[in-house]
PDB file of N, CA and C in Angstrom:
ATOM      1  N   MET A   1     -93.808   6.640 -80.788  1.00  0.00           N
ATOM      2  CA  MET A   1     -92.946   7.714 -80.102  1.00  0.00           C
ATOM      3  C   MET A   1     -91.896   7.801 -81.129  1.00  0.00           C
ATOM      4  N   PRO A   2     -91.307   9.296 -80.990  1.00  0.00           N
ATOM      5  CA  PRO A   2     -90.589   9.489 -82.154  1.00  0.00           C
ATOM      6  C   PRO A   2     -89.264   9.061 -81.620  1.00  0.00           C
ATOM      7  N   MET A   3     -88.304   8.797 -83.133  1.00  0.00           N
ATOM      8  CA  MET A   3     -87.139   7.935 -82.711  1.00  0.00           C
ATOM      9  C   MET A   3     -86.019   8.961 -83.096  1.00  0.00           C
ATOM     10  N   TYR A   4     -84.830   8.874 -82.261  1.00  0.00           N
ATOM     11  CA  TYR A   4     -83.635   9.927 -82.603  1.00  0.00           C
ATOM     12  C   TYR A   4     -82.303   9.199 -82.782  1.00  0.00           C
ATOM     13  N   LEU A   5     -81.383   9.910 -83.414  1.00  0.00           N
ATOM     14  CA  LEU A   5     -79.863   9.654 -83.643  1.00  0.00           C
ATOM     15  C   LEU A   5     -79.331  10.591 -83.249  1.00  0.00           C
ATOM     16  N   THR A   6     -78.558   9.746 -82.444  1.00  0.00           N
ATOM     17  CA  THR A   6     -77.138  11.216 -81.324  1.00  0.00           C
ATOM     18  C   THR A   6     -75.942  10.577 -81.905  1.00  0.00           C
ATOM     19  N   ARG A   7     -74.949  11.703 -82.448  1.00  0.00           N
ATOM     20  CA  ARG A   7     -73.611  11.024 -82.697  1.00  0.00           C
ATOM     21  C   ARG A   7     -72.951  11.994 -81.911  1.00  0.00           C
ATOM     22  N   PHE A   8     -71.774  11.153 -81.055  1.00  0.00           N
ATOM     23  CA  PHE A   8     -71.238  11.891 -80.072  1.00  0.00           C
ATOM     24  C   PHE A   8     -69.606  11.880 -80.413  1.00  0.00           C
ATOM     25  N   SER A   9     -68.807  12.457 -79.673  1.00  0.00           N
ATOM     26  CA  SER A   9     -67.174  12.549 -79.546  1.00  0.00           C
ATOM     27  C   SER A   9     -66.999  12.555 -78.174  1.00  0.00           C
ATOM     28  N   TYR A  10     -66.248  11.470 -77.436  1.00  0.00           N
ATOM     29  CA  TYR A  10     -65.703  11.984 -76.034  1.00  0.00           C
ATOM     30  C   TYR A  10     -64.418  12.975 -76.395  1.00  0.00           C
ATOM     31  N   THR A  11     -64.444  13.457 -74.883  1.00  0.00           N
ATOM     32  CA  THR A  11     -62.948  14.343 -75.179  1.00  0.00           C
ATOM     33  C   THR A  11     -61.797  13.520 -75.085  1.00  0.00           C
ATOM     34  N   PRO A  12     -60.434  13.880 -74.988  1.00  0.00           N
ATOM     35  CA  PRO A  12     -59.474  13.105 -74.834  1.00  0.00           C
ATOM     36  C   PRO A  12     -59.264  12.805 -73.133  1.00  0.00           C
ATOM     37  N   GLU A  13     -59.861  13.388 -72.122  1.00  0.00           N
ATOM     38  CA  GLU A  13     -59.820  13.226 -70.641  1.00  0.00           C
ATOM     39  C   GLU A  13     -60.754  12.195 -70.683  1.00  0.00           C
ATOM     40  N   THR A  14     -62.055  12.253 -71.296  1.00  0.00           N
ATOM     41  CA  THR A  14     -62.896  11.144 -71.300  1.00  0.00           C
ATOM     42  C   THR A  14     -62.499   9.702 -71.457  1.00  0.00           C
ATOM     43  N   TRP A  15     -61.773   9.706 -73.053  1.00  0.00           N
ATOM     44  CA  TRP A  15     -60.964   8.448 -73.621  1.00  0.00           C
ATOM     45  C   TRP A  15     -59.771   7.789 -72.303  1.00  0.00           C
ATOM     46  N   ALA A  16     -58.960   8.446 -71.936  1.00  0.00           N
ATOM     47  CA  ALA A  16     -58.350   8.632 -70.941  1.00  0.00           C
ATOM     48  C   ALA A  16     -58.983   7.951 -69.919  1.00  0.00           C
ATOM     49  N   ARG A  17     -59.888   8.542 -69.234  1.00  0.00           N
ATOM     50  CA  ARG A  17     -60.305   8.099 -67.981  1.00  0.00           C
ATOM     51  C   ARG A  17     -60.765   6.334 -68.223  1.00  0.00           C
ATOM     52  N   LEU A  18     -61.390   6.054 -69.701  1.00  0.00           N
ATOM     53  CA  LEU A  18     -62.290   5.370 -70.093  1.00  0.00           C
ATOM     54  C   LEU A  18     -61.103   4.029 -70.228  1.00  0.00           C
ATOM     55  N   MET A  19     -59.699   4.487 -70.739  1.00  0.00           N
ATOM     56  CA  MET A  19     -58.771   3.636 -70.845  1.00  0.00           C
ATOM     57  C   MET A  19     -58.387   2.721 -69.438  1.00  0.00           C
ATOM     58  N   THR A  20     -58.193   3.767 -68.530  1.00  0.00           N
ATOM     59  CA  THR A  20     -57.675   3.386 -67.367  1.00  0.00           C
ATOM     60  C   THR A  20     -58.638   2.413 -66.334  1.00  0.00           C
ATOM     61  N   LYS A  21     -60.374   2.559 -66.601  1.00  0.00           N
ATOM     62  CA  LYS A  21     -61.510   2.088 -66.194  1.00  0.00           C
ATOM     63  C   LYS A  21     -62.363   1.753 -66.967  1.00  0.00           C
ATOM     64  N   PRO A  22     -62.235   0.753 -67.707  1.00  0.00           N
ATOM     65  CA  PRO A  22     -63.090   0.756 -69.253  1.00  0.00           C
ATOM     66  C   PRO A  22     -64.630   0.220 -68.128  1.00  0.00           C
ATOM     67  N   GLU A  23     -65.361   0.864 -69.355  1.00  0.00           N
ATOM     68  CA  GLU A  23     -66.860   0.632 -68.780  1.00  0.00           C
ATOM     69  C   GLU A  23     -67.821   1.072 -69.827  1.00  0.00           C
ATOM     70  N   ASP A  24     -68.598   0.039 -69.682  1.00  0.00           N
ATOM     71  CA  ASP A  24     -69.700  -0.252 -70.682  1.00  0.00           C
ATOM     72  C   ASP A  24     -70.642   0.951 -70.624  1.00  0.00           C
ATOM     73  N   ARG A  25     -71.051   1.520 -71.282  1.00  0.00           N
ATOM     74  CA  ARG A  25     -71.555   3.256 -71.309  1.00  0.00           C
ATOM     75  C   ARG A  25     -72.970   2.694 -71.402  1.00  0.00           C
ATOM     76  N   ARG A  26     -73.607   1.712 -72.287  1.00  0.00           N
ATOM     77  CA  ARG A  26     -74.985   1.451 -72.396  1.00  0.00           C
ATOM     78  C   ARG A  26     -75.839   1.584 -71.256  1.00  0.00           C
ATOM     79  N   ALA A  27     -75.374   0.875 -70.197  1.00  0.00           N
ATOM     80  CA  ALA A  27     -76.684   1.041 -69.007  1.00  0.00           C
ATOM     81  C   ALA A  27     -76.442   2.413 -68.877  1.00  0.00           C
ATOM     82  N   ALA A  28     -75.579   3.405 -68.789  1.00  0.00           N
ATOM     83  CA  ALA A  28     -75.996   4.630 -68.188  1.00  0.00           C
ATOM     84  C   ALA A  28     -76.808   5.454 -69.531  1.00  0.00           C
ATOM     85  N   ALA A  29     -76.653   5.170 -70.485  1.00  0.00           N
ATOM     86  CA  ALA A  29     -77.267   5.674 -71.840  1.00  0.00           C
ATOM     87  C   ALA A  29     -78.625   5.536 -71.438  1.00  0.00           C
ATOM     88  N   GLN A  30     -79.042   4.258 -71.707  1.00  0.00           N
ATOM     89  CA  GLN A  30     -80.177   3.315 -71.213  1.00  0.00           C
ATOM     90  C   GLN A  30     -81.285   4.126 -69.954  1.00  0.00           C
ATOM     91  N   GLN A  31     -80.356   4.188 -68.904  1.00  0.00           N
ATOM     92  CA  GLN A  31     -80.749   5.178 -67.604  1.00  0.00           C
ATOM     93  C   GLN A  31     -81.293   6.525 -68.078  1.00  0.00           C
ATOM     94  N   TYR A  32     -80.487   7.358 -68.691  1.00  0.00           N
ATOM     95  CA  TYR A  32     -80.830   8.445 -68.720  1.00  0.00           C
ATOM     96  C   TYR A  32     -82.422   8.649 -69.412  1.00  0.00           C
ATOM     97  N   ILE A  33     -82.187   8.028 -70.820  1.00  0.00           N
ATOM     98  CA  ILE A  33     -83.456   7.951 -71.774  1.00  0.00           C
ATOM     99  C   ILE A  33     -84.686   7.852 -71.110  1.00  0.00           C
ATOM    100  N   GLU A  34     -84.668   6.476 -70.262  1.00  0.00           N
ATOM    101  CA  GLU A  34     -85.647   5.834 -69.622  1.00  0.00           C
ATOM    102  C   GLU A  34     -85.883   6.992 -68.388  1.00  0.00           C
ATOM    103  N   SER A  35     -85.510   7.744 -67.739  1.00  0.00           N
ATOM    104  CA  SER A  35     -85.776   8.306 -66.586  1.00  0.00           C
ATOM    105  C   SER A  35     -86.706   9.475 -67.275  1.00  0.00           C
ATOM    106  N   VAL A  36     -86.802   9.743 -68.779  1.00  0.00           N
ATOM    107  CA  VAL A  36     -87.759  10.967 -69.613  1.00  0.00           C
ATOM    108  C   VAL A  36     -88.800   9.611 -70.123  1.00  0.00           C
ATOM    109  N   GLY A  37     -88.898   8.466 -69.820  1.00  0.00           N
ATOM    110  CA  GLY A  37     -90.003   7.644 -70.729  1.00  0.00           C
ATOM    111  C   GLY A  37     -89.688   7.118 -72.038  1.00  0.00           C
ATOM    112  N   GLY A  38     -88.053   7.612 -71.999  1.00  0.00           N
ATOM    113  CA  GLY A  38     -88.005   6.666 -73.529  1.00  0.00           C
ATOM    114  C   GLY A  38     -87.249   5.287 -73.210  1.00  0.00           C
ATOM    115  N   LYS A  39     -86.444   4.896 -74.497  1.00  0.00           N
ATOM    116  CA  LYS A  39     -85.952   3.510 -74.600  1.00  0.00           C
ATOM    117  C   LYS A  39     -84.807   3.545 -75.573  1.00  0.00           C
ATOM    118  N   LEU A  40     -83.742   3.122 -75.350  1.00  0.00           N
ATOM    119  CA  LEU A  40     -82.204   2.944 -76.199  1.00  0.00           C
ATOM    120  C   LEU A  40     -82.802   1.738 -76.950  1.00  0.00           C
ATOM    121  N   HIS A  41     -82.377   2.082 -77.702  1.00  0.00           N
ATOM    122  CA  HIS A  41     -82.450   1.086 -79.321  1.00  0.00           C
ATOM    123  C   HIS A  41     -81.208   0.468 -79.306  1.00  0.00           C
ATOM    124  N   GLY A  42     -80.006   1.288 -79.563  1.00  0.00           N
ATOM    125  CA  GLY A  42     -78.893   1.083 -79.897  1.00  0.00           C
ATOM    126  C   GLY A  42     -77.929   1.881 -79.480  1.00  0.00           C
ATOM    127  N   PHE A  43     -76.392   1.234 -79.256  1.00  0.00           N
ATOM    128  CA  PHE A  43     -75.250   1.956 -78.645  1.00  0.00           C
ATOM    129  C   PHE A  43     -74.117   1.452 -79.484  1.00  0.00           C
ATOM    130  N   TRP A  44     -73.502   2.259 -80.148  1.00  0.00           N
ATOM    131  CA  TRP A  44     -72.009   1.735 -81.175  1.00  0.00           C
ATOM    132  C   TRP A  44     -71.104   2.876 -80.964  1.00  0.00           C
ATOM    133  N   TYR A  45     -70.149   2.123 -80.967  1.00  0.00           N
ATOM    134  CA  TYR A  45     -68.936   2.986 -81.067  1.00  0.00           C
ATOM    135  C   TYR A  45     -68.553   2.970 -82.523  1.00  0.00           C
ATOM    136  N   ALA A  46     -67.807   3.678 -82.996  1.00  0.00           N
ATOM    137  CA  ALA A  46     -67.050   4.076 -84.472  1.00  0.00           C
ATOM    138  C   ALA A  46     -66.002   4.769 -84.505  1.00  0.00           C
ATOM    139  N   PHE A  47     -65.180   4.452 -85.963  1.00  0.00           N
ATOM    140  CA  PHE A  47     -63.889   5.227 -86.348  1.00  0.00           C
ATOM    141  C   PHE A  47     -64.511   6.216 -87.210  1.00  0.00           C
ATOM    142  N   GLY A  48     -64.113   7.313 -87.426  1.00  0.00           N
ATOM    143  CA  GLY A  48     -64.451   8.538 -88.098  1.00  0.00           C
ATOM    144  C   GLY A  48     -64.735   9.577 -87.356  1.00  0.00           C
ATOM    145  N   GLU A  49     -65.561  10.488 -87.805  1.00  0.00           N
ATOM    146  CA  GLU A  49     -65.692  11.974 -87.673  1.00  0.00           C
ATOM    147  C   GLU A  49     -66.193  11.968 -86.013  1.00  0.00           C
ATOM    148  N   HIS A  50     -67.053  10.729 -85.723  1.00  0.00           N
ATOM    149  CA  HIS A  50     -67.477  10.471 -84.162  1.00  0.00           C
ATOM    150  C   HIS A  50     -67.376   9.511 -83.418  1.00  0.00           C
ATOM    151  N   ASP A  51     -67.111   9.234 -82.423  1.00  0.00           N
ATOM    152  CA  ASP A  51     -66.782   8.196 -81.316  1.00  0.00           C
ATOM    153  C   ASP A  51     -67.864   7.362 -81.416  1.00  0.00           C
ATOM    154  N   GLY A  52     -69.271   7.910 -81.088  1.00  0.00           N
ATOM    155  CA  GLY A  52     -70.133   6.774 -81.051  1.00  0.00           C
ATOM    156  C   GLY A  52     -71.614   7.354 -81.755  1.00  0.00           C
ATOM    157  N   TYR A  53     -72.362   6.310 -81.710  1.00  0.00           N
ATOM    158  CA  TYR A  53     -73.744   6.575 -82.281  1.00  0.00           C
ATOM    159  C   TYR A  53     -74.748   5.873 -81.034  1.00  0.00           C
ATOM    160  N   ASN A  54     -75.900   6.839 -80.670  1.00  0.00           N
ATOM    161  CA  ASN A  54     -77.149   6.197 -80.229  1.00  0.00           C
ATOM    162  C   ASN A  54     -78.167   6.159 -80.717  1.00  0.00           C
ATOM    163  N   LEU A  55     -79.200   5.104 -81.182  1.00  0.00           N
ATOM    164  CA  LEU A  55     -80.897   5.338 -81.700  1.00  0.00           C
ATOM    165  C   LEU A  55     -81.439   5.170 -80.282  1.00  0.00           C
ATOM    166  N   TRP A  56     -82.451   6.353 -79.955  1.00  0.00           N
ATOM    167  CA  TRP A  56     -83.129   6.132 -79.148  1.00  0.00           C
ATOM    168  C   TRP A  56     -84.698   6.776 -79.700  1.00  0.00           C
ATOM    169  N   GLU A  57     -85.654   6.461 -78.495  1.00  0.00           N
ATOM    170  CA  GLU A  57     -86.550   6.776 -78.535  1.00  0.00           C
ATOM    171  C   GLU A  57     -87.146   7.646 -77.405  1.00  0.00           C
ATOM    172  N   ALA A  58     -87.900   8.763 -77.674  1.00  0.00           N
ATOM    173  CA  ALA A  58     -88.383   9.528 -76.388  1.00  0.00           C
ATOM    174  C   ALA A  58     -89.852   9.801 -76.676  1.00  0.00           C
ATOM    175  N   PRO A  59     -90.440  10.253 -75.737  1.00  0.00           N
ATOM    176  CA  PRO A  59     -91.610  10.843 -75.636  1.00  0.00           C
ATOM    177  C   PRO A  59     -92.491  11.688 -76.494  1.00  0.00           C
ATOM    178  N   ASP A  60     -90.927  12.634 -76.469  1.00  0.00           N
ATOM    179  CA  ASP A  60     -91.294  13.971 -76.994  1.00  0.00           C
ATOM    180  C   ASP A  60     -90.201  14.786 -77.236  1.00  0.00           C
ATOM    181  N   ILE A  61     -90.005  15.943 -78.049  1.00  0.00           N
ATOM    182  CA  ILE A  61     -88.685  16.748 -78.369  1.00  0.00           C
ATOM    183  C   ILE A  61     -88.157  17.156 -77.187  1.00  0.00           C
ATOM    184  N   VAL A  62     -88.839  17.898 -76.286  1.00  0.00           N
ATOM    185  CA  VAL A  62     -88.588  18.390 -75.102  1.00  0.00           C
ATOM    186  C   VAL A  62     -87.697  17.373 -73.968  1.00  0.00           C
ATOM    187  N   SER A  63     -88.473  16.163 -74.012  1.00  0.00           N
ATOM    188  CA  SER A  63     -87.635  14.786 -73.030  1.00  0.00           C
ATOM    189  C   SER A  63     -86.335  14.795 -73.755  1.00  0.00           C
ATOM    190  N   MET A  64     -86.322  14.447 -75.026  1.00  0.00           N
ATOM    191  CA  MET A  64     -84.919  14.080 -75.658  1.00  0.00           C
ATOM    192  C   MET A  64     -83.859  15.308 -75.583  1.00  0.00           C
ATOM    193  N   ALA A  65     -84.360  16.560 -75.766  1.00  0.00           N
ATOM    194  CA  ALA A  65     -83.521  17.775 -75.445  1.00  0.00           C
ATOM    195  C   ALA A  65     -83.005  17.760 -74.043  1.00  0.00           C
ATOM    196  N   ALA A  66     -83.668  17.365 -72.946  1.00  0.00           N
ATOM    197  CA  ALA A  66     -83.440  17.348 -71.696  1.00  0.00           C
ATOM    198  C   ALA A  66     -82.416  16.188 -71.203  1.00  0.00           C
ATOM    199  N   VAL A  67     -82.401  15.539 -72.188  1.00  0.00           N
ATOM    200  CA  VAL A  67     -81.466  13.905 -71.720  1.00  0.00           C
ATOM    201  C   VAL A  67     -80.225  14.700 -72.570  1.00  0.00           C
ATOM    202  N   ALA A  68     -80.254  15.447 -73.599  1.00  0.00           N
ATOM    203  CA  ALA A  68     -79.158  15.814 -74.814  1.00  0.00           C
ATOM    204  C   ALA A  68     -77.997  16.850 -73.546  1.00  0.00           C
ATOM    205  N   VAL A  69     -78.817  17.749 -72.769  1.00  0.00           N
ATOM    206  CA  VAL A  69     -78.546  18.931 -71.936  1.00  0.00           C
ATOM    207  C   VAL A  69     -77.976  18.216 -71.213  1.00  0.00           C
ATOM    208  N   ALA A  70     -78.630  17.226 -70.154  1.00  0.00           N
ATOM    209  CA  ALA A  70     -77.558  16.689 -69.250  1.00  0.00           C
ATOM    210  C   ALA A  70     -76.808  15.922 -69.564  1.00  0.00           C
ATOM    211  N   ILE A  71     -76.712  15.152 -70.897  1.00  0.00           N
ATOM    212  CA  ILE A  71     -75.391  14.484 -70.954  1.00  0.00           C
ATOM    213  C   ILE A  71     -74.400  15.462 -71.427  1.00  0.00           C
ATOM    214  N   GLY A  72     -74.708  16.479 -71.992  1.00  0.00           N
ATOM    215  CA  GLY A  72     -73.929  17.753 -72.605  1.00  0.00           C
ATOM    216  C   GLY A  72     -73.310  18.426 -71.358  1.00  0.00           C
ATOM    217  N   ALA A  73     -73.853  18.529 -70.188  1.00  0.00           N
ATOM    218  CA  ALA A  73     -73.471  19.429 -69.043  1.00  0.00           C
ATOM    219  C   ALA A  73     -72.489  18.722 -68.487  1.00  0.00           C
ATOM    220  N   GLY A  74     -72.195  17.372 -68.549  1.00  0.00           N
ATOM    221  CA  GLY A  74     -71.449  16.403 -67.813  1.00  0.00           C
ATOM    222  C   GLY A  74     -70.006  16.718 -68.078  1.00  0.00           C
ATOM    223  N   GLY A  75     -69.760  17.056 -69.394  1.00  0.00           N
ATOM    224  CA  GLY A  75     -68.444  17.134 -69.807  1.00  0.00           C
ATOM    225  C   GLY A  75     -67.463  16.470 -70.251  1.00  0.00           C
ATOM    226  N   ALA A  76     -68.084  15.389 -70.669  1.00  0.00           N
ATOM    227  CA  ALA A  76     -67.495  14.279 -71.266  1.00  0.00           C
ATOM    228  C   ALA A  76     -67.597  14.140 -72.171  1.00  0.00           C
ATOM    229  N   LEU A  77     -68.274  15.040 -73.408  1.00  0.00           N
ATOM    230  CA  LEU A  77     -68.192  15.022 -74.462  1.00  0.00           C
ATOM    231  C   LEU A  77     -67.683  16.210 -75.042  1.00  0.00           C
ATOM    232  N   SER A  78     -66.991  16.291 -76.654  1.00  0.00           N
ATOM    233  CA  SER A  78     -66.615  17.101 -77.046  1.00  0.00           C
ATOM    234  C   SER A  78     -67.455  17.310 -78.183  1.00  0.00           C
ATOM    235  N   SER A  79     -68.406  16.638 -78.458  1.00  0.00           N
ATOM    236  CA  SER A  79     -69.483  17.456 -79.333  1.00  0.00           C
ATOM    237  C   SER A  79     -70.474  15.989 -79.554  1.00  0.00           C
ATOM    238  N   THR A  80     -71.812  16.778 -79.459  1.00  0.00           N
ATOM    239  CA  THR A  80     -72.667  16.004 -79.633  1.00  0.00           C
ATOM    240  C   THR A  80     -73.697  16.623 -81.035  1.00  0.00           C
ATOM    241  N   GLU A  81     -74.771  15.483 -81.582  1.00  0.00           N
ATOM    242  CA  GLU A  81     -75.653  16.167 -82.220  1.00  0.00           C
ATOM    243  C   GLU A  81     -76.480  14.902 -82.542  1.00  0.00           C
ATOM    244  N   THR A  82     -78.070  15.802 -82.476  1.00  0.00           N
ATOM    245  CA  THR A  82     -79.192  14.592 -82.507  1.00  0.00           C
ATOM    246  C   THR A  82     -79.935  14.950 -83.486  1.00  0.00           C
ATOM    247  N   THR A  83     -80.391  14.077 -84.343  1.00  0.00           N
ATOM    248  CA  THR A  83     -81.307  14.114 -85.309  1.00  0.00           C
ATOM    249  C   THR A  83     -82.525  13.757 -85.061  1.00  0.00           C
ATOM    250  N   VAL A  84     -83.858  13.969 -85.420  1.00  0.00           N
ATOM    251  CA  VAL A  84     -85.116  13.371 -85.164  1.00  0.00           C
ATOM    252  C   VAL A  84     -85.095  12.668 -86.272  1.00  0.00           C
ATOM    253  N   LEU A  85     -85.494  11.343 -86.310  1.00  0.00           N
ATOM    254  CA  LEU A  85     -85.984  10.679 -87.363  1.00  0.00           C
ATOM    255  C   LEU A  85     -87.042  10.203 -87.786  1.00  0.00           C
ATOM    256  N   LEU A  86     -87.498  10.255 -89.072  1.00  0.00           N
ATOM    257  CA  LEU A  86     -89.252  10.175 -89.588  1.00  0.00           C
ATOM    258  C   LEU A  86     -89.295   8.473 -89.923  1.00  0.00           C
ATOM    259  N   THR A  87     -90.387   8.457 -89.891  1.00  0.00           N
ATOM    260  CA  THR A  87     -90.646   7.305 -90.622  1.00  0.00           C
ATOM    261  C   THR A  87     -91.074   7.117 -91.783  1.00  0.00           C
ATOM    262  N   VAL A  88     -91.131   6.347 -92.775  1.00  0.00           N
ATOM    263  CA  VAL A  88     -91.520   6.652 -94.093  1.00  0.00           C
ATOM    264  C   VAL A  88     -92.930   6.847 -94.184  1.00  0.00           C
ATOM    265  N   GLU A  89     -93.928   6.265 -93.382  1.00  0.00           N
ATOM    266  CA  GLU A  89     -95.159   6.968 -93.068  1.00  0.00           C
ATOM    267  C   GLU A  89     -95.018   8.414 -92.938  1.00  0.00           C
ATOM    268  N   GLU A  90     -94.341   8.928 -91.999  1.00  0.00           N
ATOM    269  CA  GLU A  90     -94.381  10.479 -91.470  1.00  0.00           C
ATOM    270  C   GLU A  90     -93.864  11.115 -92.774  1.00  0.00           C
ATOM    271  N   THR A  91     -92.639  10.745 -93.457  1.00  0.00           N
ATOM    272  CA  THR A  91     -92.145  11.300 -94.599  1.00  0.00           C
ATOM    273  C   THR A  91     -92.998  11.409 -95.913  1.00  0.00           C
ATOM    274  N   LEU A  92     -94.021  10.061 -96.104  1.00  0.00           N
ATOM    275  CA  LEU A  92     -94.860  10.347 -97.133  1.00  0.00           C
ATOM    276  C   LEU A  92     -96.184  11.038 -96.707  1.00  0.00           C
ATOM    277  N   ALA A  93     -96.413  11.288 -95.505  1.00  0.00           N
ATOM    278  CA  ALA A  93     -97.490  12.182 -95.168  1.00  0.00           C
ATOM    279  C   ALA A  93     -96.871  13.802 -94.975  1.00  0.00           C
ATOM    280  N   ALA A  94     -95.729  13.932 -95.110  1.00  0.00           N
ATOM    281  CA  ALA A  94     -95.271  15.186 -95.416  1.00  0.00           C
ATOM    282  C   ALA A  94     -94.704  15.686 -96.759  1.00  0.00           C
ATOM    283  N   LEU A  95     -94.511  14.584 -97.767  1.00  0.00           N
ATOM    284  CA  LEU A  95     -94.816  15.070 -98.723  1.00  0.00           C
ATOM    285  C   LEU A  95     -96.379  15.293 -99.213  1.00  0.00           C
ATOM    286  N   GLU A  96     -97.363  14.755 -98.885  1.00  0.00           N
ATOM    287  CA  GLU A  96     -98.224  15.170 -99.446  1.00  0.00           C
ATOM    288  C   GLU A  96     -98.661  16.411 -98.950  1.00  0.00           C
ATOM    289  N   LYS A  97     -98.413  16.851 -97.725  1.00  0.00           N
ATOM    290  CA  LYS A  97     -98.337  18.212 -97.033  1.00  0.00           C
ATOM    291  C   LYS A  97     -97.731  19.343 -97.827  1.00  0.00           C
ATOM    292  N   ALA A  98     -96.721  18.938 -97.949  1.00  0.00           N
ATOM    293  CA  ALA A  98     -95.945  20.017 -98.900  1.00  0.00           C
ATOM    294  C   ALA A  98     -96.462  20.586-100.370  1.00  0.00           C
ATOM    295  N   GLN A  99     -97.489  19.795-100.884  1.00  0.00           N
ATOM    296  CA  GLN A  99     -98.343  19.944-102.122  1.00  0.00           C
ATOM    297  C   GLN A  99     -98.786  21.089-101.991  1.00  0.00           C
ATOM    298  N   SER A 100     -99.334  21.502-100.902  1.00  0.00           N
ATOM    299  CA  SER A 100    -100.459  22.291-100.861  1.00  0.00           C
ATOM    300  C   SER A 100     -99.523  23.818-100.363  1.00  0.00           C
ATOM    301  N   ILE A 101     -98.059  23.986-100.247  1.00  0.00           N
ATOM    302  CA  ILE A 101     -97.713  24.821 -99.273  1.00  0.00           C
ATOM    303  C   ILE A 101     -97.133  25.658-100.960  1.00  0.00           C
ATOM    304  N   LYS A 102     -97.575  26.467-101.268  1.00  0.00           N
ATOM    305  CA  LYS A 102     -97.113  27.698-102.165  1.00  0.00           C
ATOM    306  C   LYS A 102     -95.885  27.967-101.935  1.00  0.00           C
ATOM    307  N   TYR A 103     -94.826  27.763-102.106  1.00  0.00           N
ATOM    308  CA  TYR A 103     -93.258  28.087-102.209  1.00  0.00           C
ATOM    309  C   TYR A 103     -93.028  28.936-103.517  1.00  0.00           C
ATOM    310  N   THR A 104     -92.521  30.106-103.056  1.00  0.00           N
ATOM    311  CA  THR A 104     -91.821  30.856-103.654  1.00  0.00           C
ATOM    312  C   THR A 104     -90.580  31.075-103.550  1.00  0.00           C
ATOM    313  N   PRO A 105     -89.407  30.837-104.428  1.00  0.00           N
ATOM    314  CA  PRO A 105     -88.036  30.826-104.342  1.00  0.00           C
ATOM    315  C   PRO A 105     -87.682  32.238-104.048  1.00  0.00           C
ATOM    316  N   PRO A 106     -86.784  32.897-103.216  1.00  0.00           N
ATOM    317  CA  PRO A 106     -86.117  33.926-103.391  1.00  0.00           C
ATOM    318  C   PRO A 106     -85.604  34.892-104.715  1.00  0.00           C
ATOM    319  N   GLY A 107     -86.507  35.920-104.640  1.00  0.00           N
ATOM    320  CA  GLY A 107     -85.782  36.795-105.856  1.00  0.00           C
ATOM    321  C   GLY A 107     -86.877  36.313-107.099  1.00  0.00           C
ATOM    322  N   SER A 108     -87.671  35.523-106.932  1.00  0.00           N
ATOM    323  CA  SER A 108     -88.789  35.052-107.988  1.00  0.00           C
ATOM    324  C   SER A 108     -89.786  35.779-107.841  1.00  0.00           C
TER     325      SER A 108
END
């Protein structure tokens, strides 16, 4: 199954609610991804541009998009970005396939 890395930030209101009632959000994230047949591999909070990171596996991009849309629609996040991750083997296959593409840069 494809792997996905999600970077997210909470709204100030969400942080205020979590301060009032601290909550481990890993169980919620696990429930969301498992509802589409996926698996949560990790959940971390961080300092910096994003408040947290999730690493998950989903059966396909539509399933992952459904999870992202459902979470985003909840209003607790101020931003979210999800990146499809490639294995080394998938990257090597893409590099080999790229050799057959005859790309011409603009203006050439």
